[in-house]
Amino acid sequence: QLQACGGGVVQAGGSLRLSCAASGTILSINVMSWYRQAPGKQRELVAGIASSSAPNYADSVKGRFIISRDNAKNTVHLQMNSLKPEDTAVYYCYANIFSNMGLRDYWGQGTLVTVSS
């Protein structure tokens, strides 16, 4: 399973760091990503990082957000800088994990980020 944390309320221009940890009998993790869903909008990809590739970012967060992963700890982080009110959303971590249960997609429970103007 995936457990996310780090959301909260921050003023515009501020920073937050989200973290997500995968647990269980994990053999390998392919992609780890962060998605977000704002009220009334569809869920969108924010940033993703594969096991041996460079990260990719949505255009709206390029230059402000940094995704990183710790393969030894099966964790993924999202450092969010220069936050804007339009970044307000529930953020979900995602991972494609190969475990003793096979290859599956997993989602975290979501963590709310609120950016006030």
N, C-alpha and C. Protein backbone atom coordinates (compact mmCIF):
# COMPACT_ATOMS: atom_id res chain seq x y z
N GLN A 1 0.84 -1.18 0.00
CA GLN A 1 0.00 0.00 0.00
C GLN A 1 0.88 1.24 0.00
N LEU A 2 0.24 2.37 -0.28
CA LEU A 2 0.95 3.65 -0.29
C LEU A 2 0.39 4.54 0.79
N GLN A 3 1.26 5.20 1.50
CA GLN A 3 0.87 6.13 2.55
C GLN A 3 1.50 7.47 2.27
N ALA A 4 0.65 8.49 2.06
CA ALA A 4 1.14 9.83 1.74
C ALA A 4 0.98 10.75 2.94
N CYS A 5 1.85 11.74 3.00
CA CYS A 5 1.74 12.73 4.06
C CYS A 5 2.42 14.02 3.60
N GLY A 6 2.19 15.09 4.34
CA GLY A 6 2.87 16.34 4.08
C GLY A 6 2.01 17.47 3.60
N GLY A 7 0.73 17.23 3.38
CA GLY A 7 -0.13 18.31 2.93
C GLY A 7 -0.38 19.32 4.04
N GLY A 8 -1.03 20.41 3.68
CA GLY A 8 -1.34 21.43 4.66
C GLY A 8 -1.74 22.72 4.00
N VAL A 9 -1.76 23.78 4.80
CA VAL A 9 -2.12 25.11 4.32
C VAL A 9 -0.88 25.97 4.29
N VAL A 10 -0.68 26.67 3.18
CA VAL A 10 0.50 27.53 3.03
C VAL A 10 0.09 28.76 2.24
N GLN A 11 0.78 29.84 2.47
CA GLN A 11 0.52 31.06 1.72
C GLN A 11 1.18 30.99 0.35
N ALA A 12 0.63 31.73 -0.57
CA ALA A 12 1.22 31.79 -1.90
C ALA A 12 2.69 32.20 -1.81
N GLY A 13 3.51 31.52 -2.60
CA GLY A 13 4.94 31.75 -2.56
C GLY A 13 5.69 30.84 -1.61
N GLY A 14 4.95 30.13 -0.80
CA GLY A 14 5.56 29.24 0.17
C GLY A 14 5.90 27.88 -0.41
N SER A 15 6.33 26.99 0.47
CA SER A 15 6.78 25.66 0.06
C SER A 15 6.16 24.58 0.95
N LEU A 16 6.00 23.41 0.35
CA LEU A 16 5.58 22.22 1.07
C LEU A 16 6.31 21.03 0.49
N ARG A 17 6.47 20.00 1.29
CA ARG A 17 7.10 18.77 0.81
C ARG A 17 6.17 17.60 1.11
N LEU A 18 5.78 16.91 0.07
CA LEU A 18 4.96 15.72 0.22
C LEU A 18 5.83 14.48 0.17
N SER A 19 5.44 13.50 0.94
CA SER A 19 6.16 12.23 0.94
C SER A 19 5.16 11.09 0.82
N CYS A 20 5.63 10.02 0.24
CA CYS A 20 4.78 8.84 0.06
C CYS A 20 5.66 7.60 0.20
N ALA A 21 5.22 6.68 1.03
CA ALA A 21 6.00 5.47 1.27
C ALA A 21 5.19 4.24 0.86
N ALA A 22 5.85 3.34 0.18
CA ALA A 22 5.23 2.08 -0.20
C ALA A 22 5.64 1.01 0.79
N SER A 23 4.70 0.16 1.14
CA SER A 23 4.99 -0.90 2.09
C SER A 23 4.46 -2.23 1.56
N GLY A 24 4.94 -3.29 2.15
CA GLY A 24 4.54 -4.62 1.71
C GLY A 24 5.75 -5.40 1.22
N THR A 25 5.48 -6.54 0.62
CA THR A 25 6.56 -7.37 0.08
C THR A 25 6.85 -6.90 -1.34
N ILE A 26 7.71 -5.88 -1.43
CA ILE A 26 7.99 -5.21 -2.70
C ILE A 26 9.23 -5.81 -3.34
N LEU A 27 9.08 -6.19 -4.59
CA LEU A 27 10.22 -6.71 -5.34
C LEU A 27 10.86 -5.61 -6.17
N SER A 28 10.05 -4.78 -6.77
CA SER A 28 10.56 -3.63 -7.52
C SER A 28 9.43 -2.63 -7.73
N ILE A 29 9.83 -1.39 -7.95
CA ILE A 29 8.86 -0.33 -8.25
C ILE A 29 9.24 0.31 -9.57
N ASN A 30 8.33 0.34 -10.48
CA ASN A 30 8.60 0.96 -11.78
C ASN A 30 8.44 2.46 -11.67
N VAL A 31 7.27 2.95 -11.93
CA VAL A 31 7.02 4.39 -11.91
C VAL A 31 6.44 4.81 -10.56
N MET A 32 6.89 5.95 -10.07
CA MET A 32 6.28 6.59 -8.92
C MET A 32 5.90 8.01 -9.35
N SER A 33 4.69 8.40 -9.04
CA SER A 33 4.19 9.68 -9.54
C SER A 33 3.35 10.38 -8.49
N TRP A 34 3.13 11.65 -8.77
CA TRP A 34 2.17 12.45 -8.00
C TRP A 34 1.12 12.98 -8.97
N TYR A 35 -0.12 12.84 -8.59
CA TYR A 35 -1.25 13.40 -9.31
C TYR A 35 -1.96 14.37 -8.36
N ARG A 36 -2.80 15.19 -8.93
CA ARG A 36 -3.61 16.07 -8.10
C ARG A 36 -4.99 16.24 -8.73
N GLN A 37 -5.93 16.54 -7.86
CA GLN A 37 -7.29 16.78 -8.31
C GLN A 37 -7.87 17.97 -7.57
N ALA A 38 -8.12 19.03 -8.32
CA ALA A 38 -8.72 20.23 -7.74
C ALA A 38 -10.24 20.08 -7.78
N PRO A 39 -10.94 20.82 -6.95
CA PRO A 39 -12.41 20.74 -6.94
C PRO A 39 -13.01 21.00 -8.31
N GLY A 40 -13.84 20.10 -8.76
CA GLY A 40 -14.51 20.27 -10.04
C GLY A 40 -13.67 19.96 -11.25
N LYS A 41 -12.46 19.46 -11.03
CA LYS A 41 -11.57 19.17 -12.15
C LYS A 41 -11.16 17.70 -12.14
N GLN A 42 -10.65 17.27 -13.27
CA GLN A 42 -10.17 15.90 -13.38
C GLN A 42 -8.80 15.75 -12.73
N ARG A 43 -8.50 14.53 -12.33
CA ARG A 43 -7.19 14.26 -11.78
C ARG A 43 -6.15 14.43 -12.88
N GLU A 44 -5.03 15.07 -12.54
CA GLU A 44 -3.99 15.30 -13.53
C GLU A 44 -2.63 14.89 -12.98
N LEU A 45 -1.76 14.49 -13.90
CA LEU A 45 -0.40 14.14 -13.53
C LEU A 45 0.39 15.40 -13.21
N VAL A 46 1.05 15.41 -12.07
CA VAL A 46 1.90 16.53 -11.68
C VAL A 46 3.35 16.24 -12.03
N ALA A 47 3.83 15.08 -11.59
CA ALA A 47 5.22 14.71 -11.85
C ALA A 47 5.35 13.20 -11.70
N GLY A 48 6.28 12.64 -12.45
CA GLY A 48 6.52 11.21 -12.37
C GLY A 48 7.99 10.91 -12.53
N ILE A 49 8.39 9.77 -11.97
CA ILE A 49 9.79 9.37 -12.09
C ILE A 49 9.84 7.86 -12.15
N ALA A 50 10.48 7.36 -13.20
CA ALA A 50 10.64 5.92 -13.36
C ALA A 50 11.92 5.48 -12.66
N SER A 51 12.11 4.18 -12.60
CA SER A 51 13.23 3.65 -11.82
C SER A 51 14.58 4.05 -12.39
N SER A 52 14.67 4.27 -13.68
CA SER A 52 15.97 4.62 -14.27
C SER A 52 15.84 5.67 -15.36
N SER A 53 14.92 6.61 -15.15
CA SER A 53 14.72 7.67 -16.13
C SER A 53 14.66 9.02 -15.44
N ALA A 54 14.81 10.04 -16.26
CA ALA A 54 14.70 11.39 -15.74
C ALA A 54 13.23 11.67 -15.40
N PRO A 55 12.98 12.51 -14.43
CA PRO A 55 11.60 12.83 -14.07
C PRO A 55 10.91 13.66 -15.14
N ASN A 56 9.60 13.59 -15.14
CA ASN A 56 8.84 14.45 -16.04
C ASN A 56 7.82 15.24 -15.23
N TYR A 57 7.48 16.41 -15.71
CA TYR A 57 6.63 17.34 -14.98
C TYR A 57 5.54 17.91 -15.87
N ALA A 58 4.43 18.22 -15.26
CA ALA A 58 3.41 18.99 -15.96
C ALA A 58 3.97 20.39 -16.22
N ASP A 59 3.58 20.98 -17.32
CA ASP A 59 4.08 22.31 -17.66
C ASP A 59 3.78 23.32 -16.56
N SER A 60 2.67 23.15 -15.89
CA SER A 60 2.25 24.12 -14.88
C SER A 60 3.14 24.13 -13.64
N VAL A 61 3.94 23.08 -13.45
CA VAL A 61 4.77 23.02 -12.24
C VAL A 61 6.27 23.00 -12.55
N LYS A 62 6.62 22.98 -13.81
CA LYS A 62 8.04 22.95 -14.18
C LYS A 62 8.76 24.15 -13.60
N GLY A 63 9.93 23.87 -13.02
CA GLY A 63 10.71 24.95 -12.43
C GLY A 63 10.33 25.28 -11.00
N ARG A 64 9.21 24.72 -10.54
CA ARG A 64 8.76 25.00 -9.17
C ARG A 64 8.73 23.73 -8.31
N PHE A 65 8.38 22.61 -8.90
CA PHE A 65 8.27 21.35 -8.16
C PHE A 65 9.43 20.43 -8.53
N ILE A 66 9.84 19.64 -7.56
CA ILE A 66 10.89 18.65 -7.79
C ILE A 66 10.45 17.31 -7.21
N ILE A 67 10.45 16.29 -8.05
CA ILE A 67 10.12 14.95 -7.60
C ILE A 67 11.40 14.16 -7.41
N SER A 68 11.44 13.36 -6.36
CA SER A 68 12.61 12.52 -6.11
C SER A 68 12.14 11.22 -5.48
N ARG A 69 12.96 10.20 -5.60
CA ARG A 69 12.60 8.93 -5.00
C ARG A 69 13.83 8.31 -4.33
N ASP A 70 13.55 7.56 -3.29
CA ASP A 70 14.58 6.83 -2.57
C ASP A 70 14.25 5.35 -2.75
N ASN A 71 14.96 4.71 -3.64
CA ASN A 71 14.65 3.31 -3.96
C ASN A 71 14.91 2.37 -2.78
N ALA A 72 15.86 2.71 -1.96
CA ALA A 72 16.16 1.85 -0.80
C ALA A 72 15.02 1.88 0.22
N LYS A 73 14.32 3.02 0.27
CA LYS A 73 13.24 3.16 1.25
C LYS A 73 11.86 3.08 0.60
N ASN A 74 11.82 2.87 -0.71
CA ASN A 74 10.54 2.79 -1.43
C ASN A 74 9.67 4.02 -1.18
N THR A 75 10.29 5.17 -1.27
CA THR A 75 9.58 6.41 -1.04
C THR A 75 9.72 7.36 -2.22
N VAL A 76 8.77 8.23 -2.35
CA VAL A 76 8.81 9.29 -3.36
C VAL A 76 8.41 10.59 -2.67
N HIS A 77 9.06 11.65 -3.07
CA HIS A 77 8.82 12.96 -2.47
C HIS A 77 8.49 13.97 -3.56
N LEU A 78 7.76 14.98 -3.16
CA LEU A 78 7.47 16.09 -4.07
C LEU A 78 7.74 17.39 -3.31
N GLN A 79 8.80 18.05 -3.69
CA GLN A 79 9.12 19.36 -3.11
C GLN A 79 8.41 20.41 -3.95
N MET A 80 7.54 21.15 -3.31
CA MET A 80 6.74 22.16 -4.02
C MET A 80 7.15 23.54 -3.54
N ASN A 81 7.68 24.32 -4.45
CA ASN A 81 8.14 25.67 -4.15
C ASN A 81 7.32 26.70 -4.93
N SER A 82 7.40 27.92 -4.49
CA SER A 82 6.69 29.02 -5.16
C SER A 82 5.23 28.65 -5.42
N LEU A 83 4.59 28.15 -4.40
CA LEU A 83 3.23 27.66 -4.57
C LEU A 83 2.27 28.79 -4.93
N LYS A 84 1.28 28.42 -5.74
CA LYS A 84 0.28 29.36 -6.21
C LYS A 84 -1.11 28.87 -5.77
N PRO A 85 -2.07 29.76 -5.65
CA PRO A 85 -3.42 29.32 -5.28
C PRO A 85 -3.96 28.23 -6.20
N GLU A 86 -3.58 28.27 -7.46
CA GLU A 86 -4.06 27.25 -8.40
C GLU A 86 -3.43 25.88 -8.17
N ASP A 87 -2.47 25.79 -7.27
CA ASP A 87 -1.92 24.49 -6.90
C ASP A 87 -2.78 23.79 -5.84
N THR A 88 -3.77 24.49 -5.34
CA THR A 88 -4.66 23.90 -4.34
C THR A 88 -5.38 22.69 -4.91
N ALA A 89 -5.24 21.57 -4.23
CA ALA A 89 -5.83 20.32 -4.70
C ALA A 89 -5.54 19.22 -3.70
N VAL A 90 -6.19 18.09 -3.92
CA VAL A 90 -5.81 16.87 -3.20
C VAL A 90 -4.73 16.18 -4.04
N TYR A 91 -3.62 15.89 -3.42
CA TYR A 91 -2.50 15.28 -4.11
C TYR A 91 -2.46 13.78 -3.78
N TYR A 92 -2.31 12.99 -4.83
CA TYR A 92 -2.28 11.54 -4.69
C TYR A 92 -0.96 11.00 -5.20
N CYS A 93 -0.37 10.09 -4.45
CA CYS A 93 0.80 9.41 -4.98
C CYS A 93 0.34 8.12 -5.66
N TYR A 94 1.11 7.73 -6.63
CA TYR A 94 0.83 6.54 -7.43
C TYR A 94 2.13 5.76 -7.61
N ALA A 95 2.01 4.45 -7.63
CA ALA A 95 3.18 3.63 -7.91
C ALA A 95 2.76 2.36 -8.64
N ASN A 96 3.59 1.97 -9.56
CA ASN A 96 3.42 0.69 -10.27
C ASN A 96 4.41 -0.28 -9.64
N ILE A 97 3.88 -1.23 -8.86
CA ILE A 97 4.71 -2.05 -7.99
C ILE A 97 4.63 -3.53 -8.35
N PHE A 98 5.78 -4.16 -8.41
CA PHE A 98 5.87 -5.61 -8.58
C PHE A 98 6.15 -6.21 -7.20
N SER A 99 5.19 -6.96 -6.71
CA SER A 99 5.32 -7.55 -5.39
C SER A 99 5.01 -9.04 -5.45
N ASN A 100 4.85 -9.63 -4.28
CA ASN A 100 4.49 -11.04 -4.23
C ASN A 100 3.07 -11.27 -4.78
N MET A 101 2.33 -10.14 -4.99
CA MET A 101 0.99 -10.23 -5.56
C MET A 101 0.98 -9.93 -7.05
N GLY A 102 2.15 -9.80 -7.63
CA GLY A 102 2.24 -9.50 -9.06
C GLY A 102 2.45 -8.02 -9.30
N LEU A 103 2.26 -7.60 -10.56
CA LEU A 103 2.46 -6.21 -10.95
C LEU A 103 1.12 -5.47 -10.87
N ARG A 104 1.07 -4.44 -10.04
CA ARG A 104 -0.20 -3.73 -9.85
C ARG A 104 0.02 -2.24 -9.71
N ASP A 105 -1.05 -1.49 -9.93
CA ASP A 105 -1.05 -0.05 -9.68
C ASP A 105 -1.60 0.21 -8.29
N TYR A 106 -0.95 1.12 -7.59
CA TYR A 106 -1.39 1.47 -6.25
C TYR A 106 -1.54 2.98 -6.13
N TRP A 107 -2.51 3.40 -5.36
CA TRP A 107 -2.75 4.82 -5.10
C TRP A 107 -2.73 5.07 -3.60
N GLY A 108 -2.15 6.22 -3.23
CA GLY A 108 -2.22 6.65 -1.86
C GLY A 108 -3.57 7.25 -1.56
N GLN A 109 -3.78 7.59 -0.31
CA GLN A 109 -5.10 8.05 0.14
C GLN A 109 -5.38 9.51 -0.18
N GLY A 110 -4.38 10.25 -0.64
CA GLY A 110 -4.60 11.65 -0.95
C GLY A 110 -4.27 12.54 0.24
N THR A 111 -3.64 13.65 -0.04
CA THR A 111 -3.33 14.62 0.99
C THR A 111 -3.65 16.02 0.45
N LEU A 112 -4.35 16.81 1.24
CA LEU A 112 -4.85 18.10 0.78
C LEU A 112 -3.79 19.19 0.92
N VAL A 113 -3.60 19.90 -0.17
CA VAL A 113 -2.73 21.07 -0.18
C VAL A 113 -3.59 22.29 -0.48
N THR A 114 -3.54 23.26 0.40
CA THR A 114 -4.31 24.49 0.23
C THR A 114 -3.35 25.67 0.22
N VAL A 115 -3.39 26.43 -0.87
CA VAL A 115 -2.53 27.60 -1.00
C VAL A 115 -3.39 28.85 -0.96
N SER A 116 -3.17 29.66 0.03
CA SER A 116 -3.98 30.87 0.20
C SER A 116 -3.29 32.05 -0.47
N SER A 117 -4.11 32.94 -0.97
CA SER A 117 -3.55 34.11 -1.67
C SER A 117 -3.32 35.27 -0.73
